[in-house]
Structures are given as C-alpha cells and as structure tokens.
Amino acid sequence: MSPEQLALFWVGAVVADDVGHLARHPILARSPPVWVVGREPLRSLYTRWLAGLLEGPVAPLDDELSEAASALGALAVVLVSIDPGRQSHRSTVTEPAP
C-alpha cells in the first residue's frame, strides 16, 4: 500500500469503529432521529455508515447549522438542567431540524 492508501485505510478503520460504538449506544436504542454534524468528508461518512446501522432516520446538517450545533446542544443541556420539566425528545433550542 502507498502511504496515501494506508492513511485512507486508517481513517476508514477509525471512523468505522467510532460509528459502531455510536450505533450501539443506549441513547440510540429507541431509534430517534440522528442529525450528523462536523466537517466534510467525515460528516458524509458518519451519515452513510450510521444510516446503515440504525433503524431511525439519519441526516447530515448543513455547514452553517453544523458549525452552531455544539453551542446549541450545550444550551439545550443548560436549559434542561435549569428546568427539568423541559426534557423531551424535541428541544425548542434545536428545532426545527432538517
């Protein structure tokens, strides 16, 4: 294998292992919708591979929303910790999602 092929193999192996762990996580056991964020091409890899392992819908978010997703998720966690009655599968902070 060339160094480039070896690097691509390594990236693929790491992502496949990570996707496998994510797909087995208890939070995804009820097949909730999954929105994938991050930079390309990893976002596309995670989306495609998670969609092949999960029963629920899996979709990538666009670049702009992907960039803001961590902050929006952190805000949702803070809001739930302040007002536990706010817990639900849908967050007013992150809705609507594509």
N, C-alpha and C. Protein backbone atom coordinates (compact mmCIF):
# COMPACT_ATOMS: atom_id res chain seq x y z
N MET A 1 0.83 -1.19 0.00
CA MET A 1 0.00 0.00 0.00
C MET A 1 0.87 1.25 0.00
N SER A 2 0.41 2.23 -0.73
CA SER A 2 1.11 3.51 -0.73
C SER A 2 0.80 4.23 0.59
N PRO A 3 1.60 5.23 0.95
CA PRO A 3 1.31 5.98 2.17
C PRO A 3 -0.11 6.60 2.15
N GLU A 4 -0.55 7.08 0.99
CA GLU A 4 -1.89 7.66 0.89
C GLU A 4 -2.96 6.59 1.12
N GLN A 5 -2.79 5.42 0.52
CA GLN A 5 -3.75 4.34 0.71
C GLN A 5 -3.78 3.89 2.17
N LEU A 6 -2.62 3.83 2.79
CA LEU A 6 -2.53 3.44 4.19
C LEU A 6 -3.25 4.46 5.08
N ALA A 7 -3.07 5.74 4.79
CA ALA A 7 -3.74 6.79 5.56
C ALA A 7 -5.26 6.69 5.39
N LEU A 8 -5.73 6.46 4.16
CA LEU A 8 -7.16 6.33 3.92
C LEU A 8 -7.73 5.11 4.63
N PHE A 9 -6.99 4.02 4.62
CA PHE A 9 -7.41 2.82 5.34
C PHE A 9 -7.53 3.12 6.83
N TRP A 10 -6.55 3.80 7.40
CA TRP A 10 -6.55 4.13 8.82
C TRP A 10 -7.75 5.00 9.19
N VAL A 11 -8.01 6.03 8.41
CA VAL A 11 -9.16 6.91 8.67
C VAL A 11 -10.46 6.11 8.59
N GLY A 12 -10.58 5.28 7.57
CA GLY A 12 -11.79 4.46 7.44
C GLY A 12 -11.97 3.52 8.61
N ALA A 13 -10.90 2.90 9.07
CA ALA A 13 -10.99 1.97 10.20
C ALA A 13 -11.40 2.70 11.48
N VAL A 14 -10.84 3.88 11.71
CA VAL A 14 -11.17 4.65 12.91
C VAL A 14 -12.62 5.09 12.89
N VAL A 15 -13.08 5.61 11.74
CA VAL A 15 -14.46 6.07 11.63
C VAL A 15 -15.42 4.89 11.77
N ALA A 16 -15.12 3.77 11.14
CA ALA A 16 -15.99 2.59 11.23
C ALA A 16 -16.12 2.12 12.68
N ASP A 17 -15.01 2.12 13.41
CA ASP A 17 -15.05 1.72 14.82
C ASP A 17 -15.89 2.70 15.63
N ASP A 18 -15.70 3.98 15.40
CA ASP A 18 -16.46 5.00 16.12
C ASP A 18 -17.95 4.90 15.81
N VAL A 19 -18.30 4.73 14.55
CA VAL A 19 -19.70 4.59 14.15
C VAL A 19 -20.31 3.36 14.82
N GLY A 20 -19.58 2.28 14.87
CA GLY A 20 -20.08 1.07 15.53
C GLY A 20 -20.39 1.31 17.00
N HIS A 21 -19.51 2.01 17.68
CA HIS A 21 -19.75 2.34 19.10
C HIS A 21 -20.95 3.26 19.25
N LEU A 22 -21.07 4.27 18.40
CA LEU A 22 -22.22 5.17 18.45
C LEU A 22 -23.52 4.42 18.21
N ALA A 23 -23.54 3.54 17.24
CA ALA A 23 -24.75 2.80 16.89
C ALA A 23 -25.21 1.89 18.01
N ARG A 24 -24.29 1.43 18.84
CA ARG A 24 -24.64 0.55 19.96
C ARG A 24 -24.96 1.31 21.24
N HIS A 25 -24.84 2.62 21.23
CA HIS A 25 -25.07 3.40 22.44
C HIS A 25 -26.55 3.33 22.84
N PRO A 26 -26.83 3.17 24.14
CA PRO A 26 -28.22 3.06 24.60
C PRO A 26 -29.11 4.24 24.21
N ILE A 27 -28.56 5.42 24.07
CA ILE A 27 -29.38 6.58 23.72
C ILE A 27 -30.01 6.44 22.33
N LEU A 28 -29.44 5.58 21.49
CA LEU A 28 -29.98 5.37 20.15
C LEU A 28 -30.83 4.10 20.05
N ALA A 29 -31.05 3.42 21.17
CA ALA A 29 -31.78 2.15 21.17
C ALA A 29 -33.23 2.30 20.70
N ARG A 30 -33.84 3.44 20.95
CA ARG A 30 -35.24 3.65 20.55
C ARG A 30 -35.37 4.24 19.15
N SER A 31 -34.30 4.26 18.42
CA SER A 31 -34.26 4.75 17.03
C SER A 31 -34.74 6.19 16.87
N PRO A 32 -34.20 7.10 17.68
CA PRO A 32 -34.57 8.51 17.49
C PRO A 32 -33.92 9.04 16.21
N PRO A 33 -34.39 10.18 15.72
CA PRO A 33 -33.70 10.79 14.58
C PRO A 33 -32.29 11.19 14.99
N VAL A 34 -31.35 11.04 14.09
CA VAL A 34 -29.96 11.41 14.34
C VAL A 34 -29.55 12.43 13.28
N TRP A 35 -29.03 13.56 13.74
CA TRP A 35 -28.51 14.58 12.84
C TRP A 35 -27.01 14.61 13.01
N VAL A 36 -26.31 14.49 11.91
CA VAL A 36 -24.85 14.39 11.93
C VAL A 36 -24.25 15.76 11.60
N VAL A 37 -23.28 16.16 12.42
CA VAL A 37 -22.60 17.43 12.22
C VAL A 37 -21.11 17.18 12.04
N GLY A 38 -20.38 18.24 11.82
CA GLY A 38 -18.94 18.13 11.65
C GLY A 38 -18.54 18.56 10.25
N ARG A 39 -17.29 18.44 10.00
CA ARG A 39 -16.76 18.85 8.70
C ARG A 39 -16.80 17.71 7.70
N GLU A 40 -16.93 18.10 6.46
CA GLU A 40 -16.84 17.12 5.37
C GLU A 40 -15.38 16.72 5.20
N PRO A 41 -15.07 15.52 4.81
CA PRO A 41 -15.95 14.44 4.38
C PRO A 41 -16.42 13.54 5.52
N LEU A 42 -15.97 13.80 6.75
CA LEU A 42 -16.36 12.94 7.86
C LEU A 42 -17.87 12.95 8.09
N ARG A 43 -18.50 14.11 7.93
CA ARG A 43 -19.96 14.19 8.12
C ARG A 43 -20.67 13.21 7.20
N SER A 44 -20.26 13.15 5.95
CA SER A 44 -20.88 12.22 4.99
C SER A 44 -20.60 10.77 5.35
N LEU A 45 -19.38 10.48 5.77
CA LEU A 45 -19.05 9.10 6.17
C LEU A 45 -19.91 8.66 7.35
N TYR A 46 -19.95 9.49 8.40
CA TYR A 46 -20.75 9.14 9.57
C TYR A 46 -22.22 8.99 9.19
N THR A 47 -22.75 9.88 8.37
CA THR A 47 -24.15 9.81 7.98
C THR A 47 -24.44 8.50 7.25
N ARG A 48 -23.63 8.19 6.27
CA ARG A 48 -23.86 6.98 5.47
C ARG A 48 -23.76 5.72 6.31
N TRP A 49 -22.71 5.64 7.15
CA TRP A 49 -22.50 4.43 7.92
C TRP A 49 -23.49 4.29 9.07
N LEU A 50 -23.85 5.39 9.72
CA LEU A 50 -24.88 5.31 10.77
C LEU A 50 -26.22 4.91 10.16
N ALA A 51 -26.55 5.46 9.00
CA ALA A 51 -27.82 5.12 8.35
C ALA A 51 -27.89 3.62 8.05
N GLY A 52 -26.75 3.01 7.78
CA GLY A 52 -26.73 1.58 7.52
C GLY A 52 -26.87 0.72 8.77
N LEU A 53 -26.64 1.31 9.95
CA LEU A 53 -26.69 0.55 11.19
C LEU A 53 -27.91 0.86 12.06
N LEU A 54 -28.51 2.01 11.88
CA LEU A 54 -29.62 2.42 12.72
C LEU A 54 -30.95 2.28 11.99
N GLU A 55 -32.02 2.04 12.74
CA GLU A 55 -33.34 1.92 12.13
C GLU A 55 -34.00 3.27 11.91
N GLY A 56 -33.70 4.24 12.77
CA GLY A 56 -34.30 5.57 12.65
C GLY A 56 -33.64 6.39 11.56
N PRO A 57 -34.22 7.55 11.29
CA PRO A 57 -33.65 8.42 10.25
C PRO A 57 -32.32 9.03 10.67
N VAL A 58 -31.42 9.13 9.72
CA VAL A 58 -30.10 9.74 9.92
C VAL A 58 -29.90 10.75 8.80
N ALA A 59 -29.57 11.99 9.17
CA ALA A 59 -29.40 13.03 8.15
C ALA A 59 -28.28 13.98 8.54
N PRO A 60 -27.53 14.45 7.55
CA PRO A 60 -26.50 15.45 7.85
C PRO A 60 -27.12 16.84 7.96
N LEU A 61 -26.54 17.68 8.80
CA LEU A 61 -26.94 19.08 8.86
C LEU A 61 -26.04 19.87 7.92
N ASP A 62 -26.51 21.02 7.47
CA ASP A 62 -25.71 21.83 6.57
C ASP A 62 -24.53 22.47 7.32
N ASP A 63 -23.64 23.08 6.58
CA ASP A 63 -22.42 23.64 7.17
C ASP A 63 -22.70 24.66 8.27
N GLU A 64 -23.64 25.56 8.02
CA GLU A 64 -23.92 26.62 9.00
C GLU A 64 -24.49 26.06 10.30
N LEU A 65 -25.47 25.19 10.20
CA LEU A 65 -26.06 24.60 11.40
C LEU A 65 -25.08 23.65 12.08
N SER A 66 -24.30 22.96 11.28
CA SER A 66 -23.28 22.07 11.82
C SER A 66 -22.29 22.83 12.69
N GLU A 67 -21.92 24.02 12.23
CA GLU A 67 -20.98 24.86 12.97
C GLU A 67 -21.55 25.29 14.32
N ALA A 68 -22.86 25.52 14.38
CA ALA A 68 -23.51 26.00 15.60
C ALA A 68 -24.01 24.87 16.50
N ALA A 69 -23.99 23.64 16.04
CA ALA A 69 -24.64 22.53 16.75
C ALA A 69 -24.10 22.32 18.17
N SER A 70 -22.81 22.39 18.37
CA SER A 70 -22.26 22.18 19.71
C SER A 70 -22.78 23.21 20.70
N ALA A 71 -22.79 24.46 20.27
CA ALA A 71 -23.28 25.52 21.15
C ALA A 71 -24.77 25.36 21.42
N LEU A 72 -25.55 25.01 20.40
CA LEU A 72 -26.98 24.81 20.60
C LEU A 72 -27.25 23.62 21.52
N GLY A 73 -26.49 22.56 21.36
CA GLY A 73 -26.65 21.39 22.24
C GLY A 73 -26.29 21.72 23.67
N ALA A 74 -25.23 22.49 23.87
CA ALA A 74 -24.84 22.89 25.22
C ALA A 74 -25.92 23.75 25.85
N LEU A 75 -26.50 24.65 25.08
CA LEU A 75 -27.58 25.49 25.58
C LEU A 75 -28.79 24.64 25.97
N ALA A 76 -29.12 23.65 25.17
CA ALA A 76 -30.24 22.77 25.49
C ALA A 76 -29.99 22.03 26.80
N VAL A 77 -28.77 21.56 27.02
CA VAL A 77 -28.43 20.86 28.27
C VAL A 77 -28.59 21.80 29.45
N VAL A 78 -28.13 23.03 29.32
CA VAL A 78 -28.26 24.01 30.40
C VAL A 78 -29.73 24.28 30.70
N LEU A 79 -30.54 24.48 29.66
CA LEU A 79 -31.96 24.75 29.87
C LEU A 79 -32.65 23.59 30.59
N VAL A 80 -32.31 22.36 30.24
CA VAL A 80 -32.89 21.20 30.91
C VAL A 80 -32.42 21.12 32.36
N SER A 81 -31.17 21.47 32.62
CA SER A 81 -30.69 21.41 34.00
C SER A 81 -31.33 22.49 34.86
N ILE A 82 -31.70 23.61 34.25
CA ILE A 82 -32.38 24.69 34.99
C ILE A 82 -33.85 24.33 35.20
N ASP A 83 -34.47 23.73 34.19
CA ASP A 83 -35.89 23.39 34.24
C ASP A 83 -36.07 21.95 33.77
N PRO A 84 -35.92 20.96 34.68
CA PRO A 84 -36.02 19.55 34.28
C PRO A 84 -37.33 19.18 33.60
N GLY A 85 -38.39 19.92 33.84
CA GLY A 85 -39.67 19.65 33.18
C GLY A 85 -39.61 19.91 31.69
N ARG A 86 -38.55 20.53 31.25
CA ARG A 86 -38.38 20.88 29.84
C ARG A 86 -37.89 19.69 29.02
N GLN A 87 -37.52 18.58 29.68
CA GLN A 87 -36.97 17.42 28.98
C GLN A 87 -37.99 16.85 28.01
N SER A 88 -37.53 16.59 26.83
CA SER A 88 -38.35 15.94 25.81
C SER A 88 -37.43 15.50 24.69
N HIS A 89 -37.98 14.78 23.75
CA HIS A 89 -37.18 14.36 22.59
C HIS A 89 -36.93 15.53 21.64
N ARG A 90 -37.75 16.56 21.75
CA ARG A 90 -37.61 17.72 20.86
C ARG A 90 -37.25 18.93 21.70
N SER A 91 -36.24 19.61 21.32
CA SER A 91 -35.79 20.79 22.05
C SER A 91 -36.18 22.05 21.30
N THR A 92 -36.69 23.03 22.02
CA THR A 92 -37.03 24.29 21.38
C THR A 92 -35.77 25.01 20.93
N VAL A 93 -34.63 24.64 21.50
CA VAL A 93 -33.38 25.28 21.12
C VAL A 93 -32.91 24.81 19.77
N THR A 94 -33.07 23.53 19.48
CA THR A 94 -32.53 22.97 18.25
C THR A 94 -33.59 22.75 17.18
N GLU A 95 -34.84 23.03 17.44
CA GLU A 95 -35.87 22.80 16.46
C GLU A 95 -36.11 24.07 15.64
N PRO A 96 -36.49 24.00 14.44
CA PRO A 96 -36.69 22.76 13.69
C PRO A 96 -35.36 22.29 13.09
N ALA A 97 -35.23 21.01 12.99
CA ALA A 97 -34.05 20.43 12.34
C ALA A 97 -34.48 19.86 11.01
N PRO A 98 -33.59 19.85 10.07
CA PRO A 98 -33.97 19.32 8.75
C PRO A 98 -34.24 17.83 8.78
